[in-house]
Amino acid sequence: MADPLTIEIIQTRLCTEIQTLLSLKANSIKPDSAIEPLGMDSLKLVSLMIAIEQKFGVSLMKIGLKPDDLKSVRTLAAAVYSGQKA
């Protein structure tokens, strides 16, 4: 198994993934950006969850992703980071 990614790398990749998914300008999302006000509907959220599982190799169901984990990019990155070790 490859070494786990740092939380900073995960944050950067999540920002890029969300920007792409929502067709936003580069660098418009930061780690402290709240996810809810970005206009992500349920289908886009599911797409993001699938991308996270594929790109980071974590099972969000297995780590027990909670609503609080989706408050910001930073909290989501922390959940993904902890999921790498699960």
Protein backbone atom coordinates (compact mmCIF):
# COMPACT_ATOMS: atom_id res chain seq x y z
CA MET A 1 0.00 0.00 0.00
CA ALA A 2 1.30 3.45 -0.87
CA ASP A 3 2.15 5.98 1.84
CA PRO A 4 -0.84 8.06 2.89
CA LEU A 5 -1.13 11.50 1.35
CA THR A 6 -0.66 14.50 3.61
CA ILE A 7 -3.73 16.40 4.69
CA GLU A 8 -2.46 19.43 2.74
CA ILE A 9 -2.28 17.45 -0.49
CA ILE A 10 -5.77 16.06 0.11
CA GLN A 11 -7.11 19.58 0.72
CA THR A 12 -5.56 20.88 -2.49
CA ARG A 13 -6.91 17.97 -4.53
CA LEU A 14 -10.38 18.32 -3.02
CA CYS A 15 -10.42 22.04 -3.83
CA THR A 16 -9.51 21.25 -7.43
CA GLU A 17 -12.08 18.44 -7.65
CA ILE A 18 -14.88 20.66 -6.32
CA GLN A 19 -13.91 23.53 -8.63
CA THR A 20 -14.02 21.18 -11.60
CA LEU A 21 -17.31 19.59 -10.53
CA LEU A 22 -18.99 22.99 -10.10
CA SER A 23 -17.27 24.65 -13.10
CA LEU A 24 -15.67 27.29 -10.88
CA LYS A 25 -12.52 29.32 -11.56
CA ALA A 26 -9.18 27.93 -10.44
CA ASN A 27 -8.23 28.85 -6.88
CA SER A 28 -11.79 29.94 -6.07
CA ILE A 29 -12.10 27.27 -3.36
CA LYS A 30 -9.85 27.25 -0.30
CA PRO A 31 -9.54 24.69 2.51
CA ASP A 32 -11.73 26.83 4.78
CA SER A 33 -14.46 27.17 2.13
CA ALA A 34 -17.83 25.92 3.36
CA ILE A 35 -19.19 23.26 1.03
CA GLU A 36 -22.94 23.87 1.41
CA PRO A 37 -23.10 27.44 0.01
CA LEU A 38 -21.18 26.41 -3.12
CA GLY A 39 -24.41 25.24 -4.75
CA MET A 40 -23.62 21.55 -4.76
CA ASP A 41 -26.80 19.57 -5.38
CA SER A 42 -27.25 15.96 -4.34
CA LEU A 43 -26.08 14.54 -7.67
CA LYS A 44 -22.88 16.57 -7.59
CA LEU A 45 -22.31 15.56 -3.99
CA VAL A 46 -22.63 11.90 -4.98
CA SER A 47 -20.18 12.52 -7.85
CA LEU A 48 -17.75 14.08 -5.38
CA MET A 49 -18.08 11.09 -3.03
CA ILE A 50 -17.39 8.67 -5.89
CA ALA A 51 -14.37 10.71 -7.00
CA ILE A 52 -13.02 10.74 -3.44
CA GLU A 53 -13.33 6.97 -3.14
CA GLN A 54 -11.64 6.42 -6.50
CA LYS A 55 -8.87 9.03 -6.23
CA PHE A 56 -7.97 8.55 -2.58
CA GLY A 57 -8.75 4.85 -2.22
CA VAL A 58 -10.95 5.26 0.85
CA SER A 59 -14.37 3.85 1.58
CA LEU A 60 -16.49 6.71 2.90
CA MET A 61 -19.08 4.22 4.12
CA LYS A 62 -16.42 2.31 6.01
CA ILE A 63 -15.07 5.42 7.74
CA GLY A 64 -18.58 6.55 8.63
CA LEU A 65 -18.70 9.96 6.94
CA LYS A 66 -20.88 12.30 9.01
CA PRO A 67 -22.68 15.56 8.09
CA ASP A 68 -20.11 17.50 10.16
CA ASP A 69 -17.38 16.12 7.86
CA LEU A 70 -18.99 18.05 5.00
CA LYS A 71 -18.89 21.49 6.65
CA SER A 72 -15.76 22.61 4.81
CA VAL A 73 -13.07 21.33 2.50
CA ARG A 74 -10.78 21.13 5.54
CA THR A 75 -13.18 18.89 7.53
CA LEU A 76 -13.76 16.68 4.50
CA ALA A 77 -10.02 16.39 3.93
CA ALA A 78 -9.56 15.37 7.59
CA ALA A 79 -12.12 12.57 7.13
CA VAL A 80 -10.41 11.39 3.95
CA TYR A 81 -7.01 11.56 5.66
CA SER A 82 -8.22 9.43 8.57
CA GLY A 83 -9.82 7.03 6.09
CA GLN A 84 -6.46 6.31 4.49
CA LYS A 85 -5.38 4.68 7.71
CA ALA A 86 -8.54 2.61 8.14
